Amino acid sequence: MLFKLLGYALIGLGIALLSHILLVTLPNPPFLWQGLVADAAVLTLVLGAVMLVAVPFAGLRQIGSAFLVLGIATAVVSDAGILGPSILLRLLAVVLALVSGYLLVLKGSLEKS
């Protein structure tokens, strides 16, 4: 029961932080290519974080860390001005909170049965 409660709290925190990032923090890109590069950076960052936390195999975790580094490097090299390092760290914290919360809810559900 405690795992499920903690998991739901992490999911709620992740959703609240994600809505704050999307509504308040992120500016609109002036050019289309800057938005596409930012989207690619966020997708690789999310994929890498999910693979690091949720995948049980060590080989896939290494690929997840490579995706994480690729996402950060894409955001830094593109110099789009949309994704700064603080926004990337916030997105990483949100993804980790959501995935960890889901895994805790899943663990709490499996312990009961």
PDB file of N, CA and C in Angstrom:
ATOM      1  N   MET A   1       0.818  -1.196   0.000  1.00  0.00           N
ATOM      2  CA  MET A   1       0.000   0.000   0.000  1.00  0.00           C
ATOM      3  C   MET A   1       0.864   1.262   0.000  1.00  0.00           C
ATOM      4  N   LEU A   2       1.975   1.209   0.752  1.00  0.00           N
ATOM      5  CA  LEU A   2       2.864   2.357   0.836  1.00  0.00           C
ATOM      6  C   LEU A   2       3.547   2.628  -0.508  1.00  0.00           C
ATOM      7  N   PHE A   3       3.916   1.535  -1.217  1.00  0.00           N
ATOM      8  CA  PHE A   3       4.536   1.711  -2.528  1.00  0.00           C
ATOM      9  C   PHE A   3       3.580   2.382  -3.509  1.00  0.00           C
ATOM     10  N   LYS A   4       2.331   1.943  -3.471  1.00  0.00           N
ATOM     11  CA  LYS A   4       1.336   2.536  -4.381  1.00  0.00           C
ATOM     12  C   LYS A   4       1.110   4.008  -4.066  1.00  0.00           C
ATOM     13  N   LEU A   5       1.023   4.343  -2.795  1.00  0.00           N
ATOM     14  CA  LEU A   5       0.809   5.732  -2.397  1.00  0.00           C
ATOM     15  C   LEU A   5       1.991   6.611  -2.815  1.00  0.00           C
ATOM     16  N   LEU A   6       3.195   6.124  -2.578  1.00  0.00           N
ATOM     17  CA  LEU A   6       4.384   6.860  -2.982  1.00  0.00           C
ATOM     18  C   LEU A   6       4.469   6.971  -4.504  1.00  0.00           C
ATOM     19  N   GLY A   7       4.088   5.915  -5.197  1.00  0.00           N
ATOM     20  CA  GLY A   7       4.081   5.941  -6.655  1.00  0.00           C
ATOM     21  C   GLY A   7       3.098   6.956  -7.214  1.00  0.00           C
ATOM     22  N   TYR A   8       1.901   6.995  -6.661  1.00  0.00           N
ATOM     23  CA  TYR A   8       0.913   7.976  -7.117  1.00  0.00           C
ATOM     24  C   TYR A   8       1.362   9.401  -6.798  1.00  0.00           C
ATOM     25  N   ALA A   9       2.046   9.583  -5.666  1.00  0.00           N
ATOM     26  CA  ALA A   9       2.564  10.911  -5.330  1.00  0.00           C
ATOM     27  C   ALA A   9       3.636  11.340  -6.334  1.00  0.00           C
ATOM     28  N   LEU A  10       4.510  10.412  -6.717  1.00  0.00           N
ATOM     29  CA  LEU A  10       5.534  10.740  -7.713  1.00  0.00           C
ATOM     30  C   LEU A  10       4.926  11.029  -9.077  1.00  0.00           C
ATOM     31  N   ILE A  11       3.908  10.295  -9.455  1.00  0.00           N
ATOM     32  CA  ILE A  11       3.242  10.542 -10.737  1.00  0.00           C
ATOM     33  C   ILE A  11       2.569  11.912 -10.720  1.00  0.00           C
ATOM     34  N   GLY A  12       1.905  12.250  -9.622  1.00  0.00           N
ATOM     35  CA  GLY A  12       1.276  13.566  -9.513  1.00  0.00           C
ATOM     36  C   GLY A  12       2.301  14.692  -9.555  1.00  0.00           C
ATOM     37  N   LEU A  13       3.422  14.508  -8.862  1.00  0.00           N
ATOM     38  CA  LEU A  13       4.489  15.506  -8.893  1.00  0.00           C
ATOM     39  C   LEU A  13       5.059  15.656 -10.300  1.00  0.00           C
ATOM     40  N   GLY A  14       5.245  14.542 -10.988  1.00  0.00           N
ATOM     41  CA  GLY A  14       5.750  14.585 -12.357  1.00  0.00           C
ATOM     42  C   GLY A  14       4.809  15.307 -13.301  1.00  0.00           C
ATOM     43  N   ILE A  15       3.519  15.065 -13.169  1.00  0.00           N
ATOM     44  CA  ILE A  15       2.537  15.733 -14.031  1.00  0.00           C
ATOM     45  C   ILE A  15       2.492  17.226 -13.733  1.00  0.00           C
ATOM     46  N   ALA A  16       2.553  17.591 -12.456  1.00  0.00           N
ATOM     47  CA  ALA A  16       2.538  19.018 -12.092  1.00  0.00           C
ATOM     48  C   ALA A  16       3.774  19.731 -12.620  1.00  0.00           C
ATOM     49  N   LEU A  17       4.939  19.114 -12.478  1.00  0.00           N
ATOM     50  CA  LEU A  17       6.168  19.729 -12.982  1.00  0.00           C
ATOM     51  C   LEU A  17       6.169  19.812 -14.509  1.00  0.00           C
ATOM     52  N   LEU A  18       5.653  18.792 -15.164  1.00  0.00           N
ATOM     53  CA  LEU A  18       5.605  18.807 -16.625  1.00  0.00           C
ATOM     54  C   LEU A  18       4.669  19.892 -17.132  1.00  0.00           C
ATOM     55  N   SER A  19       3.536  20.069 -16.485  1.00  0.00           N
ATOM     56  CA  SER A  19       2.620  21.129 -16.919  1.00  0.00           C
ATOM     57  C   SER A  19       3.237  22.503 -16.676  1.00  0.00           C
ATOM     58  N   HIS A  20       3.987  22.656 -15.598  1.00  0.00           N
ATOM     59  CA  HIS A  20       4.663  23.934 -15.350  1.00  0.00           C
ATOM     60  C   HIS A  20       5.724  24.207 -16.412  1.00  0.00           C
ATOM     61  N   ILE A  21       6.470  23.177 -16.796  1.00  0.00           N
ATOM     62  CA  ILE A  21       7.489  23.359 -17.832  1.00  0.00           C
ATOM     63  C   ILE A  21       6.845  23.724 -19.153  1.00  0.00           C
ATOM     64  N   LEU A  22       5.790  23.032 -19.519  1.00  0.00           N
ATOM     65  CA  LEU A  22       5.157  23.263 -20.818  1.00  0.00           C
ATOM     66  C   LEU A  22       4.430  24.602 -20.888  1.00  0.00           C
ATOM     67  N   LEU A  23       3.797  25.012 -19.816  1.00  0.00           N
ATOM     68  CA  LEU A  23       2.990  26.223 -19.852  1.00  0.00           C
ATOM     69  C   LEU A  23       3.770  27.492 -19.534  1.00  0.00           C
ATOM     70  N   VAL A  24       4.766  27.400 -18.673  1.00  0.00           N
ATOM     71  CA  VAL A  24       5.434  28.610 -18.198  1.00  0.00           C
ATOM     72  C   VAL A  24       6.847  28.756 -18.747  1.00  0.00           C
ATOM     73  N   THR A  25       7.605  27.689 -18.756  1.00  0.00           N
ATOM     74  CA  THR A  25       9.037  27.801 -18.992  1.00  0.00           C
ATOM     75  C   THR A  25       9.414  27.838 -20.465  1.00  0.00           C
ATOM     76  N   LEU A  26       8.829  26.985 -21.276  1.00  0.00           N
ATOM     77  CA  LEU A  26       9.274  26.866 -22.664  1.00  0.00           C
ATOM     78  C   LEU A  26       8.738  27.997 -23.541  1.00  0.00           C
ATOM     79  N   PRO A  27       9.636  28.705 -24.225  1.00  0.00           N
ATOM     80  CA  PRO A  27       9.182  29.731 -25.171  1.00  0.00           C
ATOM     81  C   PRO A  27       8.841  29.105 -26.514  1.00  0.00           C
ATOM     82  N   ASN A  28       8.140  29.842 -27.351  1.00  0.00           N
ATOM     83  CA  ASN A  28       7.860  29.375 -28.696  1.00  0.00           C
ATOM     84  C   ASN A  28       9.080  29.615 -29.575  1.00  0.00           C
ATOM     85  N   PRO A  29       9.468  28.634 -30.391  1.00  0.00           N
ATOM     86  CA  PRO A  29      10.650  28.819 -31.235  1.00  0.00           C
ATOM     87  C   PRO A  29      10.362  29.785 -32.385  1.00  0.00           C
ATOM     88  N   PRO A  30      11.335  30.653 -32.722  1.00  0.00           N
ATOM     89  CA  PRO A  30      11.118  31.591 -33.821  1.00  0.00           C
ATOM     90  C   PRO A  30      11.180  30.915 -35.191  1.00  0.00           C
ATOM     91  N   PHE A  31      11.929  29.827 -35.316  1.00  0.00           N
ATOM     92  CA  PHE A  31      12.061  29.108 -36.580  1.00  0.00           C
ATOM     93  C   PHE A  31      11.624  27.663 -36.397  1.00  0.00           C
ATOM     94  N   LEU A  32      11.146  27.055 -37.476  1.00  0.00           N
ATOM     95  CA  LEU A  32      10.633  25.689 -37.409  1.00  0.00           C
ATOM     96  C   LEU A  32      11.733  24.695 -37.049  1.00  0.00           C
ATOM     97  N   TRP A  33      12.920  24.847 -37.614  1.00  0.00           N
ATOM     98  CA  TRP A  33      13.977  23.867 -37.374  1.00  0.00           C
ATOM     99  C   TRP A  33      14.424  23.863 -35.917  1.00  0.00           C
ATOM    100  N   GLN A  34      14.321  24.990 -35.238  1.00  0.00           N
ATOM    101  CA  GLN A  34      14.710  25.006 -33.829  1.00  0.00           C
ATOM    102  C   GLN A  34      13.744  24.176 -32.991  1.00  0.00           C
ATOM    103  N   GLY A  35      12.481  24.238 -33.315  1.00  0.00           N
ATOM    104  CA  GLY A  35      11.504  23.424 -32.605  1.00  0.00           C
ATOM    105  C   GLY A  35      11.692  21.945 -32.872  1.00  0.00           C
ATOM    106  N   LEU A  36      12.045  21.580 -34.113  1.00  0.00           N
ATOM    107  CA  LEU A  36      12.262  20.178 -34.448  1.00  0.00           C
ATOM    108  C   LEU A  36      13.490  19.618 -33.745  1.00  0.00           C
ATOM    109  N   VAL A  37      14.555  20.413 -33.684  1.00  0.00           N
ATOM    110  CA  VAL A  37      15.762  19.966 -32.984  1.00  0.00           C
ATOM    111  C   VAL A  37      15.483  19.825 -31.490  1.00  0.00           C
ATOM    112  N   ALA A  38      14.728  20.750 -30.925  1.00  0.00           N
ATOM    113  CA  ALA A  38      14.375  20.665 -29.507  1.00  0.00           C
ATOM    114  C   ALA A  38      13.510  19.432 -29.238  1.00  0.00           C
ATOM    115  N   ASP A  39      12.577  19.139 -30.136  1.00  0.00           N
ATOM    116  CA  ASP A  39      11.735  17.946 -29.973  1.00  0.00           C
ATOM    117  C   ASP A  39      12.578  16.673 -30.037  1.00  0.00           C
ATOM    118  N   ALA A  40      13.525  16.628 -30.972  1.00  0.00           N
ATOM    119  CA  ALA A  40      14.405  15.457 -31.077  1.00  0.00           C
ATOM    120  C   ALA A  40      15.251  15.296 -29.817  1.00  0.00           C
ATOM    121  N   ALA A  41      15.739  16.404 -29.279  1.00  0.00           N
ATOM    122  CA  ALA A  41      16.540  16.337 -28.055  1.00  0.00           C
ATOM    123  C   ALA A  41      15.707  15.831 -26.883  1.00  0.00           C
ATOM    124  N   VAL A  42      14.486  16.307 -26.765  1.00  0.00           N
ATOM    125  CA  VAL A  42      13.620  15.868 -25.669  1.00  0.00           C
ATOM    126  C   VAL A  42      13.250  14.394 -25.823  1.00  0.00           C
ATOM    127  N   LEU A  43      12.965  13.949 -27.033  1.00  0.00           N
ATOM    128  CA  LEU A  43      12.608  12.545 -27.243  1.00  0.00           C
ATOM    129  C   LEU A  43      13.766  11.610 -26.911  1.00  0.00           C
ATOM    130  N   THR A  44      14.982  11.969 -27.322  1.00  0.00           N
ATOM    131  CA  THR A  44      16.119  11.106 -26.989  1.00  0.00           C
ATOM    132  C   THR A  44      16.419  11.150 -25.493  1.00  0.00           C
ATOM    133  N   LEU A  45      16.210  12.299 -24.867  1.00  0.00           N
ATOM    134  CA  LEU A  45      16.404  12.402 -23.424  1.00  0.00           C
ATOM    135  C   LEU A  45      15.397  11.526 -22.676  1.00  0.00           C
ATOM    136  N   VAL A  46      14.151  11.566 -23.085  1.00  0.00           N
ATOM    137  CA  VAL A  46      13.113  10.755 -22.446  1.00  0.00           C
ATOM    138  C   VAL A  46      13.370   9.268 -22.678  1.00  0.00           C
ATOM    139  N   LEU A  47      13.735   8.904 -23.892  1.00  0.00           N
ATOM    140  CA  LEU A  47      14.012   7.497 -24.190  1.00  0.00           C
ATOM    141  C   LEU A  47      15.176   6.996 -23.354  1.00  0.00           C
ATOM    142  N   GLY A  48      16.224   7.784 -23.247  1.00  0.00           N
ATOM    143  CA  GLY A  48      17.375   7.376 -22.449  1.00  0.00           C
ATOM    144  C   GLY A  48      17.046   7.241 -20.974  1.00  0.00           C
ATOM    145  N   ALA A  49      16.270   8.177 -20.440  1.00  0.00           N
ATOM    146  CA  ALA A  49      15.910   8.110 -19.018  1.00  0.00           C
ATOM    147  C   ALA A  49      15.022   6.907 -18.725  1.00  0.00           C
ATOM    148  N   VAL A  50      14.075   6.634 -19.601  1.00  0.00           N
ATOM    149  CA  VAL A  50      13.188   5.474 -19.395  1.00  0.00           C
ATOM    150  C   VAL A  50      13.987   4.181 -19.481  1.00  0.00           C
ATOM    151  N   MET A  51      14.927   4.121 -20.427  1.00  0.00           N
ATOM    152  CA  MET A  51      15.734   2.906 -20.545  1.00  0.00           C
ATOM    153  C   MET A  51      16.650   2.720 -19.337  1.00  0.00           C
ATOM    154  N   LEU A  52      17.134   3.808 -18.771  1.00  0.00           N
ATOM    155  CA  LEU A  52      17.992   3.683 -17.587  1.00  0.00           C
ATOM    156  C   LEU A  52      17.228   3.190 -16.366  1.00  0.00           C
ATOM    157  N   VAL A  53      15.995   3.622 -16.230  1.00  0.00           N
ATOM    158  CA  VAL A  53      15.239   3.296 -15.020  1.00  0.00           C
ATOM    159  C   VAL A  53      14.457   1.992 -15.159  1.00  0.00           C
ATOM    160  N   ALA A  54      13.818   1.770 -16.276  1.00  0.00           N
ATOM    161  CA  ALA A  54      12.832   0.696 -16.369  1.00  0.00           C
ATOM    162  C   ALA A  54      13.317  -0.594 -17.031  1.00  0.00           C
ATOM    163  N   VAL A  55      14.456  -0.572 -17.702  1.00  0.00           N
ATOM    164  CA  VAL A  55      14.902  -1.762 -18.426  1.00  0.00           C
ATOM    165  C   VAL A  55      15.807  -2.597 -17.518  1.00  0.00           C
ATOM    166  N   PRO A  56      15.537  -3.894 -17.399  1.00  0.00           N
ATOM    167  CA  PRO A  56      16.326  -4.709 -16.475  1.00  0.00           C
ATOM    168  C   PRO A  56      17.669  -5.199 -17.037  1.00  0.00           C
ATOM    169  N   PHE A  57      17.930  -5.042 -18.315  1.00  0.00           N
ATOM    170  CA  PHE A  57      19.145  -5.590 -18.918  1.00  0.00           C
ATOM    171  C   PHE A  57      20.259  -4.546 -18.958  1.00  0.00           C
ATOM    172  N   ALA A  58      21.470  -4.945 -18.594  1.00  0.00           N
ATOM    173  CA  ALA A  58      22.594  -4.007 -18.496  1.00  0.00           C
ATOM    174  C   ALA A  58      22.986  -3.460 -19.865  1.00  0.00           C
ATOM    175  N   GLY A  59      22.900  -4.268 -20.895  1.00  0.00           N
ATOM    176  CA  GLY A  59      23.258  -3.803 -22.235  1.00  0.00           C
ATOM    177  C   GLY A  59      22.328  -2.702 -22.722  1.00  0.00           C
ATOM    178  N   LEU A  60      21.048  -2.857 -22.447  1.00  0.00           N
ATOM    179  CA  LEU A  60      20.091  -1.822 -22.846  1.00  0.00           C
ATOM    180  C   LEU A  60      20.215  -0.573 -21.984  1.00  0.00           C
ATOM    181  N   ARG A  61      20.666  -0.732 -20.748  1.00  0.00           N
ATOM    182  CA  ARG A  61      20.908   0.449 -19.917  1.00  0.00           C
ATOM    183  C   ARG A  61      22.061   1.269 -20.465  1.00  0.00           C
ATOM    184  N   GLN A  62      23.070   0.601 -21.013  1.00  0.00           N
ATOM    185  CA  GLN A  62      24.172   1.338 -21.632  1.00  0.00           C
ATOM    186  C   GLN A  62      23.695   2.088 -22.857  1.00  0.00           C
ATOM    187  N   ILE A  63      22.821   1.485 -23.624  1.00  0.00           N
ATOM    188  CA  ILE A  63      22.236   2.178 -24.773  1.00  0.00           C
ATOM    189  C   ILE A  63      21.388   3.346 -24.292  1.00  0.00           C
ATOM    190  N   GLY A  64      20.677   3.177 -23.181  1.00  0.00           N
ATOM    191  CA  GLY A  64      19.893   4.262 -22.597  1.00  0.00           C
ATOM    192  C   GLY A  64      20.760   5.429 -22.167  1.00  0.00           C
ATOM    193  N   SER A  65      21.911   5.143 -21.577  1.00  0.00           N
ATOM    194  CA  SER A  65      22.809   6.236 -21.202  1.00  0.00           C
ATOM    195  C   SER A  65      23.376   6.920 -22.437  1.00  0.00           C
ATOM    196  N   ALA A  66      23.586   6.173 -23.515  1.00  0.00           N
ATOM    197  CA  ALA A  66      24.033   6.791 -24.765  1.00  0.00           C
ATOM    198  C   ALA A  66      22.947   7.706 -25.328  1.00  0.00           C
ATOM    199  N   PHE A  67      21.687   7.291 -25.260  1.00  0.00           N
ATOM    200  CA  PHE A  67      20.587   8.144 -25.694  1.00  0.00           C
ATOM    201  C   PHE A  67      20.485   9.404 -24.829  1.00  0.00           C
ATOM    202  N   LEU A  68      20.719   9.246 -23.532  1.00  0.00           N
ATOM    203  CA  LEU A  68      20.682  10.385 -22.622  1.00  0.00           C
ATOM    204  C   LEU A  68      21.760  11.406 -22.976  1.00  0.00           C
ATOM    205  N   VAL A  69      22.964  10.930 -23.223  1.00  0.00           N
ATOM    206  CA  VAL A  69      24.060  11.820 -23.616  1.00  0.00           C
ATOM    207  C   VAL A  69      23.775  12.440 -24.981  1.00  0.00           C
ATOM    208  N   LEU A  70      23.221  11.670 -25.904  1.00  0.00           N
ATOM    209  CA  LEU A  70      22.885  12.195 -27.224  1.00  0.00           C
ATOM    210  C   LEU A  70      21.828  13.291 -27.139  1.00  0.00           C
ATOM    211  N   GLY A  71      20.838  13.122 -26.278  1.00  0.00           N
ATOM    212  CA  GLY A  71      19.811  14.142 -26.111  1.00  0.00           C
ATOM    213  C   GLY A  71      20.373  15.432 -25.551  1.00  0.00           C
ATOM    214  N   ILE A  72      21.237  15.319 -24.545  1.00  0.00           N
ATOM    215  CA  ILE A  72      21.852  16.514 -23.973  1.00  0.00           C
ATOM    216  C   ILE A  72      22.771  17.175 -24.986  1.00  0.00           C
ATOM    217  N   ALA A  73      23.547  16.381 -25.701  1.00  0.00           N
ATOM    218  CA  ALA A  73      24.455  16.946 -26.707  1.00  0.00           C
ATOM    219  C   ALA A  73      23.689  17.614 -27.840  1.00  0.00           C
ATOM    220  N   THR A  74      22.581  17.043 -28.250  1.00  0.00           N
ATOM    221  CA  THR A  74      21.771  17.645 -29.315  1.00  0.00           C
ATOM    222  C   THR A  74      21.236  18.998 -28.881  1.00  0.00           C
ATOM    223  N   ALA A  75      20.798  19.092 -27.653  1.00  0.00           N
ATOM    224  CA  ALA A  75      20.272  20.366 -27.162  1.00  0.00           C
ATOM    225  C   ALA A  75      21.369  21.411 -27.024  1.00  0.00           C
ATOM    226  N   VAL A  76      22.552  20.997 -26.592  1.00  0.00           N
ATOM    227  CA  VAL A  76      23.637  21.944 -26.395  1.00  0.00           C
ATOM    228  C   VAL A  76      24.230  22.382 -27.732  1.00  0.00           C
ATOM    229  N   VAL A  77      24.448  21.459 -28.646  1.00  0.00           N
ATOM    230  CA  VAL A  77      25.082  21.771 -29.927  1.00  0.00           C
ATOM    231  C   VAL A  77      24.155  22.573 -30.832  1.00  0.00           C
ATOM    232  N   SER A  78      22.857  22.319 -30.773  1.00  0.00           N
ATOM    233  CA  SER A  78      21.920  23.002 -31.665  1.00  0.00           C
ATOM    234  C   SER A  78      21.851  24.493 -31.397  1.00  0.00           C
ATOM    235  N   ASP A  79      22.098  24.895 -30.144  1.00  0.00           N
ATOM    236  CA  ASP A  79      22.054  26.301 -29.747  1.00  0.00           C
ATOM    237  C   ASP A  79      20.749  26.954 -30.183  1.00  0.00           C
ATOM    238  N   ALA A  80      19.660  26.223 -29.948  1.00  0.00           N
ATOM    239  CA  ALA A  80      18.347  26.721 -30.369  1.00  0.00           C
ATOM    240  C   ALA A  80      17.832  27.818 -29.454  1.00  0.00           C
ATOM    241  N   GLY A  81      18.322  27.888 -28.270  1.00  0.00           N
ATOM    242  CA  GLY A  81      17.839  28.886 -27.335  1.00  0.00           C
ATOM    243  C   GLY A  81      16.527  28.500 -26.671  1.00  0.00           C
ATOM    244  N   ILE A  82      16.007  27.358 -27.005  1.00  0.00           N
ATOM    245  CA  ILE A  82      14.748  26.897 -26.420  1.00  0.00           C
ATOM    246  C   ILE A  82      15.024  26.036 -25.204  1.00  0.00           C
ATOM    247  N   LEU A  83      15.919  25.080 -25.376  1.00  0.00           N
ATOM    248  CA  LEU A  83      16.230  24.150 -24.299  1.00  0.00           C
ATOM    249  C   LEU A  83      17.560  24.529 -23.671  1.00  0.00           C
ATOM    250  N   GLY A  84      17.503  25.096 -22.507  1.00  0.00           N
ATOM    251  CA  GLY A  84      18.712  25.365 -21.760  1.00  0.00           C
ATOM    252  C   GLY A  84      19.025  24.195 -20.853  1.00  0.00           C
ATOM    253  N   PRO A  85      20.165  24.213 -20.213  1.00  0.00           N
ATOM    254  CA  PRO A  85      20.511  23.109 -19.316  1.00  0.00           C
ATOM    255  C   PRO A  85      19.533  22.965 -18.145  1.00  0.00           C
ATOM    256  N   SER A  86      19.002  24.062 -17.642  1.00  0.00           N
ATOM    257  CA  SER A  86      18.071  23.946 -16.521  1.00  0.00           C
ATOM    258  C   SER A  86      16.755  23.299 -16.952  1.00  0.00           C
ATOM    259  N   ILE A  87      16.290  23.620 -18.149  1.00  0.00           N
ATOM    260  CA  ILE A  87      15.057  23.000 -18.637  1.00  0.00           C
ATOM    261  C   ILE A  87      15.280  21.512 -18.897  1.00  0.00           C
ATOM    262  N   LEU A  88      16.451  21.149 -19.429  1.00  0.00           N
ATOM    263  CA  LEU A  88      16.745  19.735 -19.650  1.00  0.00           C
ATOM    264  C   LEU A  88      16.790  18.969 -18.331  1.00  0.00           C
ATOM    265  N   LEU A  89      17.386  19.554 -17.317  1.00  0.00           N
ATOM    266  CA  LEU A  89      17.423  18.873 -16.022  1.00  0.00           C
ATOM    267  C   LEU A  89      16.025  18.750 -15.425  1.00  0.00           C
ATOM    268  N   ARG A  90      15.190  19.755 -15.612  1.00  0.00           N
ATOM    269  CA  ARG A  90      13.806  19.659 -15.131  1.00  0.00           C
ATOM    270  C   ARG A  90      13.053  18.561 -15.864  1.00  0.00           C
ATOM    271  N   LEU A  91      13.237  18.486 -17.188  1.00  0.00           N
ATOM    272  CA  LEU A  91      12.577  17.422 -17.958  1.00  0.00           C
ATOM    273  C   LEU A  91      13.070  16.049 -17.532  1.00  0.00           C
ATOM    274  N   LEU A  92      14.366  15.937 -17.275  1.00  0.00           N
ATOM    275  CA  LEU A  92      14.903  14.668 -16.807  1.00  0.00           C
ATOM    276  C   LEU A  92      14.309  14.291 -15.453  1.00  0.00           C
ATOM    277  N   ALA A  93      14.172  15.264 -14.552  1.00  0.00           N
ATOM    278  CA  ALA A  93      13.565  14.994 -13.245  1.00  0.00           C
ATOM    279  C   ALA A  93      12.110  14.577 -13.384  1.00  0.00           C
ATOM    280  N   VAL A  94      11.382  15.214 -14.304  1.00  0.00           N
ATOM    281  CA  VAL A  94       9.977  14.864 -14.528  1.00  0.00           C
ATOM    282  C   VAL A  94       9.853  13.439 -15.045  1.00  0.00           C
ATOM    283  N   VAL A  95      10.673  13.083 -16.022  1.00  0.00           N
ATOM    284  CA  VAL A  95      10.601  11.740 -16.599  1.00  0.00           C
ATOM    285  C   VAL A  95      10.966  10.697 -15.544  1.00  0.00           C
ATOM    286  N   LEU A  96      12.001  10.971 -14.772  1.00  0.00           N
ATOM    287  CA  LEU A  96      12.382  10.021 -13.728  1.00  0.00           C
ATOM    288  C   LEU A  96      11.293   9.889 -12.672  1.00  0.00           C
ATOM    289  N   ALA A  97      10.629  10.985 -12.326  1.00  0.00           N
ATOM    290  CA  ALA A  97       9.534  10.913 -11.352  1.00  0.00           C
ATOM    291  C   ALA A  97       8.365  10.102 -11.904  1.00  0.00           C
ATOM    292  N   LEU A  98       8.013  10.329 -13.162  1.00  0.00           N
ATOM    293  CA  LEU A  98       6.888   9.592 -13.747  1.00  0.00           C
ATOM    294  C   LEU A  98       7.183   8.099 -13.862  1.00  0.00           C
ATOM    295  N   VAL A  99       8.365   7.748 -14.353  1.00  0.00           N
ATOM    296  CA  VAL A  99       8.698   6.330 -14.532  1.00  0.00           C
ATOM    297  C   VAL A  99       8.860   5.643 -13.185  1.00  0.00           C
ATOM    298  N   SER A 100       9.526   6.294 -12.244  1.00  0.00           N
ATOM    299  CA  SER A 100       9.696   5.695 -10.915  1.00  0.00           C
ATOM    300  C   SER A 100       8.355   5.534 -10.211  1.00  0.00           C
ATOM    301  N   GLY A 101       7.475   6.518 -10.340  1.00  0.00           N
ATOM    302  CA  GLY A 101       6.142   6.404  -9.755  1.00  0.00           C
ATOM    303  C   GLY A 101       5.358   5.257 -10.352  1.00  0.00           C
ATOM    304  N   TYR A 102       5.443   5.107 -11.666  1.00  0.00           N
ATOM    305  CA  TYR A 102       4.743   3.996 -12.313  1.00  0.00           C
ATOM    306  C   TYR A 102       5.297   2.658 -11.846  1.00  0.00           C
ATOM    307  N   LEU A 103       6.619   2.559 -11.731  1.00  0.00           N
ATOM    308  CA  LEU A 103       7.207   1.301 -11.277  1.00  0.00           C
ATOM    309  C   LEU A 103       6.830   0.993  -9.827  1.00  0.00           C
ATOM    310  N   LEU A 104       6.740   2.027  -8.979  1.00  0.00           N
ATOM    311  CA  LEU A 104       6.314   1.799  -7.597  1.00  0.00           C
ATOM    312  C   LEU A 104       4.848   1.364  -7.518  1.00  0.00           C
ATOM    313  N   VAL A 105       3.999   1.957  -8.342  1.00  0.00           N
ATOM    314  CA  VAL A 105       2.588   1.534  -8.370  1.00  0.00           C
ATOM    315  C   VAL A 105       2.490   0.099  -8.854  1.00  0.00           C
ATOM    316  N   LEU A 106       3.278  -0.242  -9.861  1.00  0.00           N
ATOM    317  CA  LEU A 106       3.275  -1.606 -10.381  1.00  0.00           C
ATOM    318  C   LEU A 106       3.786  -2.585  -9.323  1.00  0.00           C
ATOM    319  N   LYS A 107       4.836  -2.206  -8.604  1.00  0.00           N
ATOM    320  CA  LYS A 107       5.359  -3.069  -7.548  1.00  0.00           C
ATOM    321  C   LYS A 107       4.343  -3.241  -6.428  1.00  0.00           C
ATOM    322  N   GLY A 108       3.651  -2.159  -6.053  1.00  0.00           N
ATOM    323  CA  GLY A 108       2.631  -2.262  -5.023  1.00  0.00           C
ATOM    324  C   GLY A 108       1.471  -3.128  -5.450  1.00  0.00           C
ATOM    325  N   SER A 109       1.132  -3.110  -6.725  1.00  0.00           N
ATOM    326  CA  SER A 109       0.042  -3.958  -7.220  1.00  0.00           C
ATOM    327  C   SER A 109       0.447  -5.421  -7.254  1.00  0.00           C
ATOM    328  N   LEU A 110       1.696  -5.680  -7.586  1.00  0.00           N
ATOM    329  CA  LEU A 110       2.157  -7.071  -7.662  1.00  0.00           C
ATOM    330  C   LEU A 110       2.354  -7.685  -6.276  1.00  0.00           C
ATOM    331  N   GLU A 111       2.727  -6.876  -5.285  1.00  0.00           N
ATOM    332  CA  GLU A 111       2.903  -7.412  -3.920  1.00  0.00           C
ATOM    333  C   GLU A 111       1.593  -7.854  -3.315  1.00  0.00           C
ATOM    334  N   LYS A 112       0.508  -7.179  -3.667  1.00  0.00           N
ATOM    335  CA  LYS A 112      -0.789  -7.502  -3.093  1.00  0.00           C
ATOM    336  C   LYS A 112      -1.284  -8.867  -3.531  1.00  0.00           C
ATOM    337  N   SER A 113      -1.003  -9.215  -4.804  1.00  0.00           N
ATOM    338  CA  SER A 113      -1.518 -10.488  -5.299  1.00  0.00           C
ATOM    339  C   SER A 113      -0.562 -11.617  -5.126  1.00  0.00           C
TER     340      SER A 113
END
